[in-house]
mmCIF file of all heavy atoms, coordinates in Angstrom:
data_MODEL
# 
_entry.id   MODEL 
# 
loop_
_atom_site.group_PDB 
_atom_site.id 
_atom_site.type_symbol 
_atom_site.label_atom_id 
_atom_site.label_alt_id 
_atom_site.label_comp_id 
_atom_site.label_asym_id 
_atom_site.label_entity_id 
_atom_site.label_seq_id 
_atom_site.pdbx_PDB_ins_code 
_atom_site.Cartn_x 
_atom_site.Cartn_y 
_atom_site.Cartn_z 
_atom_site.occupancy 
_atom_site.B_iso_or_equiv 
_atom_site.pdbx_formal_charge 
_atom_site.auth_seq_id 
_atom_site.auth_comp_id 
_atom_site.auth_asym_id 
_atom_site.auth_atom_id 
_atom_site.pdbx_PDB_model_num 
ATOM 1   N N   . SER A 1 1  ? 53.361 -17.230 -22.831 1.00 0.00 ? 1  SER A N   1 
ATOM 2   C CA  . SER A 1 1  ? 52.786 -18.460 -22.280 1.00 0.00 ? 1  SER A CA  1 
ATOM 3   C C   . SER A 1 1  ? 53.473 -18.848 -20.988 1.00 0.00 ? 1  SER A C   1 
ATOM 4   O O   . SER A 1 1  ? 52.814 -19.273 -20.012 1.00 0.00 ? 1  SER A O   1 
ATOM 5   C CB  . SER A 1 1  ? 52.912 -19.596 -23.298 1.00 0.00 ? 1  SER A CB  1 
ATOM 6   O OG  . SER A 1 1  ? 52.204 -19.302 -24.481 1.00 0.00 ? 1  SER A OG  1 
ATOM 7   N N   . ILE A 1 2  ? 54.785 -18.713 -20.953 1.00 0.00 ? 2  ILE A N   1 
ATOM 8   C CA  . ILE A 1 2  ? 55.539 -19.013 -19.729 1.00 0.00 ? 2  ILE A CA  1 
ATOM 9   C C   . ILE A 1 2  ? 55.110 -18.089 -18.605 1.00 0.00 ? 2  ILE A C   1 
ATOM 10  O O   . ILE A 1 2  ? 54.900 -18.514 -17.450 1.00 0.00 ? 2  ILE A O   1 
ATOM 11  C CB  . ILE A 1 2  ? 57.053 -18.893 -19.984 1.00 0.00 ? 2  ILE A CB  1 
ATOM 12  C CG1 . ILE A 1 2  ? 57.508 -19.989 -20.963 1.00 0.00 ? 2  ILE A CG1 1 
ATOM 13  C CG2 . ILE A 1 2  ? 57.840 -18.996 -18.680 1.00 0.00 ? 2  ILE A CG2 1 
ATOM 14  C CD1 . ILE A 1 2  ? 58.940 -19.823 -21.439 1.00 0.00 ? 2  ILE A CD1 1 
ATOM 15  N N   . ASP A 1 3  ? 54.948 -16.789 -18.940 1.00 0.00 ? 3  ASP A N   1 
ATOM 16  C CA  . ASP A 1 3  ? 54.527 -15.809 -17.936 1.00 0.00 ? 3  ASP A CA  1 
ATOM 17  C C   . ASP A 1 3  ? 53.162 -16.164 -17.363 1.00 0.00 ? 3  ASP A C   1 
ATOM 18  O O   . ASP A 1 3  ? 52.936 -16.083 -16.151 1.00 0.00 ? 3  ASP A O   1 
ATOM 19  C CB  . ASP A 1 3  ? 54.502 -14.421 -18.573 1.00 0.00 ? 3  ASP A CB  1 
ATOM 20  C CG  . ASP A 1 3  ? 54.075 -13.344 -17.596 1.00 0.00 ? 3  ASP A CG  1 
ATOM 21  O OD1 . ASP A 1 3  ? 54.787 -13.158 -16.585 1.00 0.00 ? 3  ASP A OD1 1 
ATOM 22  O OD2 . ASP A 1 3  ? 53.042 -12.692 -17.836 1.00 0.00 ? 3  ASP A OD2 1 
ATOM 23  N N   . GLY A 1 4  ? 52.210 -16.556 -18.259 1.00 0.00 ? 4  GLY A N   1 
ATOM 24  C CA  . GLY A 1 4  ? 50.873 -16.913 -17.780 1.00 0.00 ? 4  GLY A CA  1 
ATOM 25  C C   . GLY A 1 4  ? 50.885 -18.149 -16.901 1.00 0.00 ? 4  GLY A C   1 
ATOM 26  O O   . GLY A 1 4  ? 50.179 -18.217 -15.886 1.00 0.00 ? 4  GLY A O   1 
ATOM 27  N N   . LEU A 1 5  ? 51.705 -19.156 -17.281 1.00 0.00 ? 5  LEU A N   1 
ATOM 28  C CA  . LEU A 1 5  ? 51.772 -20.386 -16.496 1.00 0.00 ? 5  LEU A CA  1 
ATOM 29  C C   . LEU A 1 5  ? 52.391 -20.158 -15.121 1.00 0.00 ? 5  LEU A C   1 
ATOM 30  O O   . LEU A 1 5  ? 52.061 -20.856 -14.157 1.00 0.00 ? 5  LEU A O   1 
ATOM 31  C CB  . LEU A 1 5  ? 52.570 -21.449 -17.257 1.00 0.00 ? 5  LEU A CB  1 
ATOM 32  C CG  . LEU A 1 5  ? 51.883 -22.073 -18.474 1.00 0.00 ? 5  LEU A CG  1 
ATOM 33  C CD1 . LEU A 1 5  ? 52.857 -22.948 -19.245 1.00 0.00 ? 5  LEU A CD1 1 
ATOM 34  C CD2 . LEU A 1 5  ? 50.671 -22.891 -18.042 1.00 0.00 ? 5  LEU A CD2 1 
ATOM 35  N N   . CYS A 1 6  ? 53.314 -19.190 -15.054 1.00 0.00 ? 6  CYS A N   1 
ATOM 36  C CA  . CYS A 1 6  ? 53.968 -18.914 -13.761 1.00 0.00 ? 6  CYS A CA  1 
ATOM 37  C C   . CYS A 1 6  ? 52.950 -18.495 -12.691 1.00 0.00 ? 6  CYS A C   1 
ATOM 38  O O   . CYS A 1 6  ? 53.182 -18.696 -11.495 1.00 0.00 ? 6  CYS A O   1 
ATOM 39  C CB  . CYS A 1 6  ? 55.010 -17.814 -13.923 1.00 0.00 ? 6  CYS A CB  1 
ATOM 40  S SG  . CYS A 1 6  ? 56.506 -18.360 -14.778 1.00 0.00 ? 6  CYS A SG  1 
ATOM 41  N N   . MET A 1 7  ? 51.809 -17.906 -13.140 1.00 0.00 ? 7  MET A N   1 
ATOM 42  C CA  . MET A 1 7  ? 50.821 -17.396 -12.186 1.00 0.00 ? 7  MET A CA  1 
ATOM 43  C C   . MET A 1 7  ? 50.018 -18.518 -11.535 1.00 0.00 ? 7  MET A C   1 
ATOM 44  O O   . MET A 1 7  ? 49.696 -18.448 -10.349 1.00 0.00 ? 7  MET A O   1 
ATOM 45  C CB  . MET A 1 7  ? 49.872 -16.428 -12.902 1.00 0.00 ? 7  MET A CB  1 
ATOM 46  C CG  . MET A 1 7  ? 50.578 -15.225 -13.516 1.00 0.00 ? 7  MET A CG  1 
ATOM 47  S SD  . MET A 1 7  ? 51.318 -14.146 -12.270 1.00 0.00 ? 7  MET A SD  1 
ATOM 48  C CE  . MET A 1 7  ? 49.834 -13.534 -11.481 1.00 0.00 ? 7  MET A CE  1 
ATOM 49  N N   . PHE A 1 8  ? 49.687 -19.576 -12.322 1.00 0.00 ? 8  PHE A N   1 
ATOM 50  C CA  . PHE A 1 8  ? 48.797 -20.609 -11.763 1.00 0.00 ? 8  PHE A CA  1 
ATOM 51  C C   . PHE A 1 8  ? 49.353 -22.024 -11.863 1.00 0.00 ? 8  PHE A C   1 
ATOM 52  O O   . PHE A 1 8  ? 48.794 -22.945 -11.262 1.00 0.00 ? 8  PHE A O   1 
ATOM 53  C CB  . PHE A 1 8  ? 47.423 -20.548 -12.455 1.00 0.00 ? 8  PHE A CB  1 
ATOM 54  C CG  . PHE A 1 8  ? 47.460 -20.814 -13.933 1.00 0.00 ? 8  PHE A CG  1 
ATOM 55  C CD1 . PHE A 1 8  ? 47.372 -22.107 -14.431 1.00 0.00 ? 8  PHE A CD1 1 
ATOM 56  C CD2 . PHE A 1 8  ? 47.573 -19.759 -14.828 1.00 0.00 ? 8  PHE A CD2 1 
ATOM 57  C CE1 . PHE A 1 8  ? 47.395 -22.332 -15.792 1.00 0.00 ? 8  PHE A CE1 1 
ATOM 58  C CE2 . PHE A 1 8  ? 47.593 -19.995 -16.195 1.00 0.00 ? 8  PHE A CE2 1 
ATOM 59  C CZ  . PHE A 1 8  ? 47.508 -21.285 -16.696 1.00 0.00 ? 8  PHE A CZ  1 
ATOM 60  N N   . ASP A 1 9  ? 50.446 -22.236 -12.619 1.00 0.00 ? 9  ASP A N   1 
ATOM 61  C CA  . ASP A 1 9  ? 51.017 -23.591 -12.719 1.00 0.00 ? 9  ASP A CA  1 
ATOM 62  C C   . ASP A 1 9  ? 52.525 -23.488 -12.903 1.00 0.00 ? 9  ASP A C   1 
ATOM 63  O O   . ASP A 1 9  ? 53.052 -23.690 -14.002 1.00 0.00 ? 9  ASP A O   1 
ATOM 64  C CB  . ASP A 1 9  ? 50.379 -24.338 -13.886 1.00 0.00 ? 9  ASP A CB  1 
ATOM 65  C CG  . ASP A 1 9  ? 50.667 -25.848 -13.827 1.00 0.00 ? 9  ASP A CG  1 
ATOM 66  O OD1 . ASP A 1 9  ? 51.582 -26.242 -13.064 1.00 0.00 ? 9  ASP A OD1 1 
ATOM 67  O OD2 . ASP A 1 9  ? 50.001 -26.611 -14.560 1.00 0.00 ? 9  ASP A OD2 1 
ATOM 68  N N   . PRO A 1 10 ? 53.278 -23.124 -11.857 1.00 0.00 ? 10 PRO A N   1 
ATOM 69  C CA  . PRO A 1 10 ? 54.729 -22.942 -11.957 1.00 0.00 ? 10 PRO A CA  1 
ATOM 70  C C   . PRO A 1 10 ? 55.460 -24.176 -12.483 1.00 0.00 ? 10 PRO A C   1 
ATOM 71  O O   . PRO A 1 10 ? 56.444 -24.056 -13.213 1.00 0.00 ? 10 PRO A O   1 
ATOM 72  C CB  . PRO A 1 10 ? 55.142 -22.618 -10.521 1.00 0.00 ? 10 PRO A CB  1 
ATOM 73  C CG  . PRO A 1 10 ? 53.906 -22.090 -9.884  1.00 0.00 ? 10 PRO A CG  1 
ATOM 74  C CD  . PRO A 1 10 ? 52.772 -22.839 -10.495 1.00 0.00 ? 10 PRO A CD  1 
ATOM 75  N N   . GLU A 1 11 ? 54.949 -25.364 -12.124 1.00 0.00 ? 11 GLU A N   1 
ATOM 76  C CA  . GLU A 1 11 ? 55.628 -26.583 -12.568 1.00 0.00 ? 11 GLU A CA  1 
ATOM 77  C C   . GLU A 1 11 ? 55.537 -26.745 -14.091 1.00 0.00 ? 11 GLU A C   1 
ATOM 78  O O   . GLU A 1 11 ? 56.501 -27.113 -14.759 1.00 0.00 ? 11 GLU A O   1 
ATOM 79  C CB  . GLU A 1 11 ? 55.006 -27.794 -11.879 1.00 0.00 ? 11 GLU A CB  1 
ATOM 80  C CG  . GLU A 1 11 ? 55.623 -29.138 -12.266 1.00 0.00 ? 11 GLU A CG  1 
ATOM 81  C CD  . GLU A 1 11 ? 57.103 -29.237 -11.912 1.00 0.00 ? 11 GLU A CD  1 
ATOM 82  O OE1 . GLU A 1 11 ? 57.556 -28.516 -10.993 1.00 0.00 ? 11 GLU A OE1 1 
ATOM 83  O OE2 . GLU A 1 11 ? 57.813 -30.050 -12.545 1.00 0.00 ? 11 GLU A OE2 1 
ATOM 84  N N   . GLU A 1 12 ? 54.354 -26.446 -14.642 1.00 0.00 ? 12 GLU A N   1 
ATOM 85  C CA  . GLU A 1 12 ? 54.188 -26.519 -16.093 1.00 0.00 ? 12 GLU A CA  1 
ATOM 86  C C   . GLU A 1 12 ? 55.028 -25.448 -16.796 1.00 0.00 ? 12 GLU A C   1 
ATOM 87  O O   . GLU A 1 12 ? 55.565 -25.665 -17.880 1.00 0.00 ? 12 GLU A O   1 
ATOM 88  C CB  . GLU A 1 12 ? 52.710 -26.351 -16.455 1.00 0.00 ? 12 GLU A CB  1 
ATOM 89  C CG  . GLU A 1 12 ? 52.377 -26.671 -17.887 1.00 0.00 ? 12 GLU A CG  1 
ATOM 90  C CD  . GLU A 1 12 ? 52.621 -28.138 -18.243 1.00 0.00 ? 12 GLU A CD  1 
ATOM 91  O OE1 . GLU A 1 12 ? 52.536 -28.997 -17.347 1.00 0.00 ? 12 GLU A OE1 1 
ATOM 92  O OE2 . GLU A 1 12 ? 52.912 -28.410 -19.429 1.00 0.00 ? 12 GLU A OE2 1 
ATOM 93  N N   . ALA A 1 13 ? 55.142 -24.281 -16.140 1.00 0.00 ? 13 ALA A N   1 
ATOM 94  C CA  . ALA A 1 13 ? 55.983 -23.213 -16.681 1.00 0.00 ? 13 ALA A CA  1 
ATOM 95  C C   . ALA A 1 13 ? 57.438 -23.661 -16.735 1.00 0.00 ? 13 ALA A C   1 
ATOM 96  O O   . ALA A 1 13 ? 58.161 -23.392 -17.716 1.00 0.00 ? 13 ALA A O   1 
ATOM 97  C CB  . ALA A 1 13 ? 55.845 -21.945 -15.840 1.00 0.00 ? 13 ALA A CB  1 
ATOM 98  N N   . ARG A 1 14 ? 57.875 -24.345 -15.697 1.00 0.00 ? 14 ARG A N   1 
ATOM 99  C CA  . ARG A 1 14 ? 59.252 -24.843 -15.669 1.00 0.00 ? 14 ARG A CA  1 
ATOM 100 C C   . ARG A 1 14 ? 59.481 -25.839 -16.798 1.00 0.00 ? 14 ARG A C   1 
ATOM 101 O O   . ARG A 1 14 ? 60.518 -25.812 -17.475 1.00 0.00 ? 14 ARG A O   1 
ATOM 102 C CB  . ARG A 1 14 ? 59.529 -25.491 -14.320 1.00 0.00 ? 14 ARG A CB  1 
ATOM 103 C CG  . ARG A 1 14 ? 60.995 -25.915 -14.119 1.00 0.00 ? 14 ARG A CG  1 
ATOM 104 C CD  . ARG A 1 14 ? 61.140 -26.754 -12.875 1.00 0.00 ? 14 ARG A CD  1 
ATOM 105 N NE  . ARG A 1 14 ? 60.462 -28.025 -13.009 1.00 0.00 ? 14 ARG A NE  1 
ATOM 106 C CZ  . ARG A 1 14 ? 60.960 -29.075 -13.665 1.00 0.00 ? 14 ARG A CZ  1 
ATOM 107 N NH1 . ARG A 1 14 ? 62.135 -28.985 -14.273 1.00 0.00 ? 14 ARG A NH1 1 
ATOM 108 N NH2 . ARG A 1 14 ? 60.274 -30.203 -13.728 1.00 0.00 ? 14 ARG A NH2 1 
ATOM 109 N N   . LYS A 1 15 ? 58.504 -26.718 -17.054 1.00 0.00 ? 15 LYS A N   1 
ATOM 110 C CA  . LYS A 1 15 ? 58.626 -27.694 -18.140 1.00 0.00 ? 15 LYS A CA  1 
ATOM 111 C C   . LYS A 1 15 ? 58.685 -27.004 -19.500 1.00 0.00 ? 15 LYS A C   1 
ATOM 112 O O   . LYS A 1 15 ? 59.447 -27.394 -20.388 1.00 0.00 ? 15 LYS A O   1 
ATOM 113 C CB  . LYS A 1 15 ? 57.455 -28.667 -18.101 1.00 0.00 ? 15 LYS A CB  1 
ATOM 114 C CG  . LYS A 1 15 ? 57.452 -29.596 -16.894 1.00 0.00 ? 15 LYS A CG  1 
ATOM 115 C CD  . LYS A 1 15 ? 56.248 -30.523 -16.939 1.00 0.00 ? 15 LYS A CD  1 
ATOM 116 C CE  . LYS A 1 15 ? 56.223 -31.454 -15.719 1.00 0.00 ? 15 LYS A CE  1 
ATOM 117 N NZ  . LYS A 1 15 ? 55.036 -32.340 -15.742 1.00 0.00 ? 15 LYS A NZ  1 
ATOM 118 N N   . LEU A 1 16 ? 57.854 -25.945 -19.645 1.00 0.00 ? 16 LEU A N   1 
ATOM 119 C CA  . LEU A 1 16 ? 57.847 -25.232 -20.914 1.00 0.00 ? 16 LEU A CA  1 
ATOM 120 C C   . LEU A 1 16 ? 59.179 -24.522 -21.154 1.00 0.00 ? 16 LEU A C   1 
ATOM 121 O O   . LEU A 1 16 ? 59.685 -24.488 -22.287 1.00 0.00 ? 16 LEU A O   1 
ATOM 122 C CB  . LEU A 1 16 ? 56.698 -24.212 -20.948 1.00 0.00 ? 16 LEU A CB  1 
ATOM 123 C CG  . LEU A 1 16 ? 56.547 -23.406 -22.245 1.00 0.00 ? 16 LEU A CG  1 
ATOM 124 C CD1 . LEU A 1 16 ? 56.396 -24.337 -23.448 1.00 0.00 ? 16 LEU A CD1 1 
ATOM 125 C CD2 . LEU A 1 16 ? 55.364 -22.462 -22.153 1.00 0.00 ? 16 LEU A CD2 1 
ATOM 126 N N   . ILE A 1 17 ? 59.762 -23.979 -20.097 1.00 0.00 ? 17 ILE A N   1 
ATOM 127 C CA  . ILE A 1 17 ? 61.077 -23.339 -20.230 1.00 0.00 ? 17 ILE A CA  1 
ATOM 128 C C   . ILE A 1 17 ? 62.110 -24.359 -20.685 1.00 0.00 ? 17 ILE A C   1 
ATOM 129 O O   . ILE A 1 17 ? 62.957 -24.080 -21.551 1.00 0.00 ? 17 ILE A O   1 
ATOM 130 C CB  . ILE A 1 17 ? 61.500 -22.686 -18.900 1.00 0.00 ? 17 ILE A CB  1 
ATOM 131 C CG1 . ILE A 1 17 ? 60.616 -21.476 -18.600 1.00 0.00 ? 17 ILE A CG1 1 
ATOM 132 C CG2 . ILE A 1 17 ? 62.968 -22.259 -18.954 1.00 0.00 ? 17 ILE A CG2 1 
ATOM 133 C CD1 . ILE A 1 17 ? 60.855 -20.879 -17.230 1.00 0.00 ? 17 ILE A CD1 1 
ATOM 134 N N   . ALA A 1 18 ? 62.050 -25.568 -20.132 1.00 0.00 ? 18 ALA A N   1 
ATOM 135 C CA  . ALA A 1 18 ? 62.993 -26.624 -20.512 1.00 0.00 ? 18 ALA A CA  1 
ATOM 136 C C   . ALA A 1 18 ? 62.800 -27.011 -21.985 1.00 0.00 ? 18 ALA A C   1 
ATOM 137 O O   . ALA A 1 18 ? 63.778 -27.187 -22.728 1.00 0.00 ? 18 ALA A O   1 
ATOM 138 C CB  . ALA A 1 18 ? 62.798 -27.841 -19.609 1.00 0.00 ? 18 ALA A CB  1 
ATOM 139 N N   . LYS A 1 19 ? 61.535 -27.107 -22.415 1.00 0.00 ? 19 LYS A N   1 
ATOM 140 C CA  . LYS A 1 19 ? 61.264 -27.448 -23.815 1.00 0.00 ? 19 LYS A CA  1 
ATOM 141 C C   . LYS A 1 19 ? 61.747 -26.339 -24.754 1.00 0.00 ? 19 LYS A C   1 
ATOM 142 O O   . LYS A 1 19 ? 62.327 -26.611 -25.818 1.00 0.00 ? 19 LYS A O   1 
ATOM 143 C CB  . LYS A 1 19 ? 59.765 -27.673 -24.014 1.00 0.00 ? 19 LYS A CB  1 
ATOM 144 C CG  . LYS A 1 19 ? 59.210 -28.891 -23.304 1.00 0.00 ? 19 LYS A CG  1 
ATOM 145 C CD  . LYS A 1 19 ? 57.702 -28.960 -23.435 1.00 0.00 ? 19 LYS A CD  1 
ATOM 146 C CE  . LYS A 1 19 ? 57.141 -30.155 -22.668 1.00 0.00 ? 19 LYS A CE  1 
ATOM 147 N NZ  . LYS A 1 19 ? 55.655 -30.211 -22.734 1.00 0.00 ? 19 LYS A NZ  1 
ATOM 148 N N   . PHE A 1 20 ? 61.490 -25.088 -24.347 1.00 0.00 ? 20 PHE A N   1 
ATOM 149 C CA  . PHE A 1 20 ? 61.898 -23.951 -25.167 1.00 0.00 ? 20 PHE A CA  1 
ATOM 150 C C   . PHE A 1 20 ? 63.424 -23.881 -25.288 1.00 0.00 ? 20 PHE A C   1 
ATOM 151 O O   . PHE A 1 20 ? 63.980 -23.640 -26.367 1.00 0.00 ? 20 PHE A O   1 
ATOM 152 C CB  . PHE A 1 20 ? 61.347 -22.664 -24.548 1.00 0.00 ? 20 PHE A CB  1 
ATOM 153 C CG  . PHE A 1 20 ? 61.581 -21.439 -25.375 1.00 0.00 ? 20 PHE A CG  1 
ATOM 154 C CD1 . PHE A 1 20 ? 61.261 -21.414 -26.726 1.00 0.00 ? 20 PHE A CD1 1 
ATOM 155 C CD2 . PHE A 1 20 ? 62.132 -20.303 -24.807 1.00 0.00 ? 20 PHE A CD2 1 
ATOM 156 C CE1 . PHE A 1 20 ? 61.466 -20.274 -27.490 1.00 0.00 ? 20 PHE A CE1 1 
ATOM 157 C CE2 . PHE A 1 20 ? 62.348 -19.163 -25.564 1.00 0.00 ? 20 PHE A CE2 1 
ATOM 158 C CZ  . PHE A 1 20 ? 62.013 -19.155 -26.901 1.00 0.00 ? 20 PHE A CZ  1 
ATOM 159 N N   . THR A 1 21 ? 64.098 -24.119 -24.176 1.00 0.00 ? 21 THR A N   1 
ATOM 160 C CA  . THR A 1 21 ? 65.563 -24.111 -24.183 1.00 0.00 ? 21 THR A CA  1 
ATOM 161 C C   . THR A 1 21 ? 66.117 -25.222 -25.078 1.00 0.00 ? 21 THR A C   1 
ATOM 162 O O   . THR A 1 21 ? 67.064 -25.017 -25.848 1.00 0.00 ? 21 THR A O   1 
ATOM 163 C CB  . THR A 1 21 ? 66.103 -24.281 -22.755 1.00 0.00 ? 21 THR A CB  1 
ATOM 164 O OG1 . THR A 1 21 ? 65.590 -23.240 -21.924 1.00 0.00 ? 21 THR A OG1 1 
ATOM 165 C CG2 . THR A 1 21 ? 67.625 -24.242 -22.735 1.00 0.00 ? 21 THR A CG2 1 
ATOM 166 N N   . LYS A 1 22 ? 65.498 -26.401 -24.984 1.00 0.00 ? 22 LYS A N   1 
ATOM 167 C CA  . LYS A 1 22 ? 65.945 -27.526 -25.813 1.00 0.00 ? 22 LYS A CA  1 
ATOM 168 C C   . LYS A 1 22 ? 65.755 -27.205 -27.294 1.00 0.00 ? 22 LYS A C   1 
ATOM 169 O O   . LYS A 1 22 ? 66.623 -27.512 -28.126 1.00 0.00 ? 22 LYS A O   1 
ATOM 170 C CB  . LYS A 1 22 ? 65.144 -28.779 -25.434 1.00 0.00 ? 22 LYS A CB  1 
ATOM 171 C CG  . LYS A 1 22 ? 65.541 -30.019 -26.222 1.00 0.00 ? 22 LYS A CG  1 
ATOM 172 C CD  . LYS A 1 22 ? 64.721 -31.218 -25.790 1.00 0.00 ? 22 LYS A CD  1 
ATOM 173 C CE  . LYS A 1 22 ? 65.113 -32.458 -26.589 1.00 0.00 ? 22 LYS A CE  1 
ATOM 174 N NZ  . LYS A 1 22 ? 64.303 -33.646 -26.197 1.00 0.00 ? 22 LYS A NZ  1 
ATOM 175 N N   . HIS A 1 23 ? 64.638 -26.561 -27.603 1.00 0.00 ? 23 HIS A N   1 
ATOM 176 C CA  . HIS A 1 23 ? 64.383 -26.207 -29.002 1.00 0.00 ? 23 HIS A CA  1 
ATOM 177 C C   . HIS A 1 23 ? 65.391 -25.172 -29.500 1.00 0.00 ? 23 HIS A C   1 
ATOM 178 O O   . HIS A 1 23 ? 65.919 -25.286 -30.610 1.00 0.00 ? 23 HIS A O   1 
ATOM 179 C CB  . HIS A 1 23 ? 62.972 -25.664 -29.142 1.00 0.00 ? 23 HIS A CB  1 
ATOM 180 C CG  . HIS A 1 23 ? 62.668 -25.140 -30.514 1.00 0.00 ? 23 HIS A CG  1 
ATOM 181 N ND1 . HIS A 1 23 ? 62.635 -25.953 -31.619 1.00 0.00 ? 23 HIS A ND1 1 
ATOM 182 C CD2 . HIS A 1 23 ? 62.429 -23.880 -30.967 1.00 0.00 ? 23 HIS A CD2 1 
ATOM 183 C CE1 . HIS A 1 23 ? 62.374 -25.237 -32.692 1.00 0.00 ? 23 HIS A CE1 1 
ATOM 184 N NE2 . HIS A 1 23 ? 62.240 -23.966 -32.318 1.00 0.00 ? 23 HIS A NE2 1 
ATOM 185 N N   . LEU A 1 24 ? 65.687 -24.183 -28.687 1.00 0.00 ? 24 LEU A N   1 
ATOM 186 C CA  . LEU A 1 24 ? 66.664 -23.182 -29.074 1.00 0.00 ? 24 LEU A CA  1 
ATOM 187 C C   . LEU A 1 24 ? 68.024 -23.809 -29.334 1.00 0.00 ? 24 LEU A C   1 
ATOM 188 O O   . LEU A 1 24 ? 68.691 -23.531 -30.321 1.00 0.00 ? 24 LEU A O   1 
ATOM 189 C CB  . LEU A 1 24 ? 66.787 -22.106 -27.982 1.00 0.00 ? 24 LEU A CB  1 
ATOM 190 C CG  . LEU A 1 24 ? 65.631 -21.130 -27.829 1.00 0.00 ? 24 LEU A CG  1 
ATOM 191 C CD1 . LEU A 1 24 ? 65.911 -20.193 -26.658 1.00 0.00 ? 24 LEU A CD1 1 
ATOM 192 C CD2 . LEU A 1 24 ? 65.433 -20.331 -29.096 1.00 0.00 ? 24 LEU A CD2 1 
ATOM 193 N N   . ARG A 1 25 ? 68.428 -24.658 -28.414 1.00 0.00 ? 25 ARG A N   1 
ATOM 194 C CA  . ARG A 1 25 ? 69.753 -25.272 -28.527 1.00 0.00 ? 25 ARG A CA  1 
ATOM 195 C C   . ARG A 1 25 ? 69.829 -26.185 -29.746 1.00 0.00 ? 25 ARG A C   1 
ATOM 196 O O   . ARG A 1 25 ? 70.825 -26.194 -30.475 1.00 0.00 ? 25 ARG A O   1 
ATOM 197 C CB  . ARG A 1 25 ? 70.076 -26.074 -27.260 1.00 0.00 ? 25 ARG A CB  1 
ATOM 198 C CG  . ARG A 1 25 ? 71.477 -26.684 -27.268 1.00 0.00 ? 25 ARG A CG  1 
ATOM 199 C CD  . ARG A 1 25 ? 71.735 -27.506 -26.010 1.00 0.00 ? 25 ARG A CD  1 
ATOM 200 N NE  . ARG A 1 25 ? 71.665 -26.699 -24.801 1.00 0.00 ? 25 ARG A NE  1 
ATOM 201 C CZ  . ARG A 1 25 ? 70.717 -26.794 -23.883 1.00 0.00 ? 25 ARG A CZ  1 
ATOM 202 N NH1 . ARG A 1 25 ? 69.725 -27.680 -24.039 1.00 0.00 ? 25 ARG A NH1 1 
ATOM 203 N NH2 . ARG A 1 25 ? 70.726 -26.036 -22.819 1.00 0.00 ? 25 ARG A NH2 1 
ATOM 204 N N   . GLY A 1 26 ? 68.809 -26.943 -30.005 1.00 0.00 ? 26 GLY A N   1 
ATOM 205 C CA  . GLY A 1 26 ? 68.853 -27.916 -31.098 1.00 0.00 ? 26 GLY A CA  1 
ATOM 206 C C   . GLY A 1 26 ? 68.686 -27.307 -32.470 1.00 0.00 ? 26 GLY A C   1 
ATOM 207 O O   . GLY A 1 26 ? 69.317 -27.753 -33.435 1.00 0.00 ? 26 GLY A O   1 
# 
């Protein structure tokens, strides 16, 4: 999903990476 978002919505991809990282850490 992150890879697909990077192609047409980099900002949303960045948000998803932040959410994914937060989930991993928590």
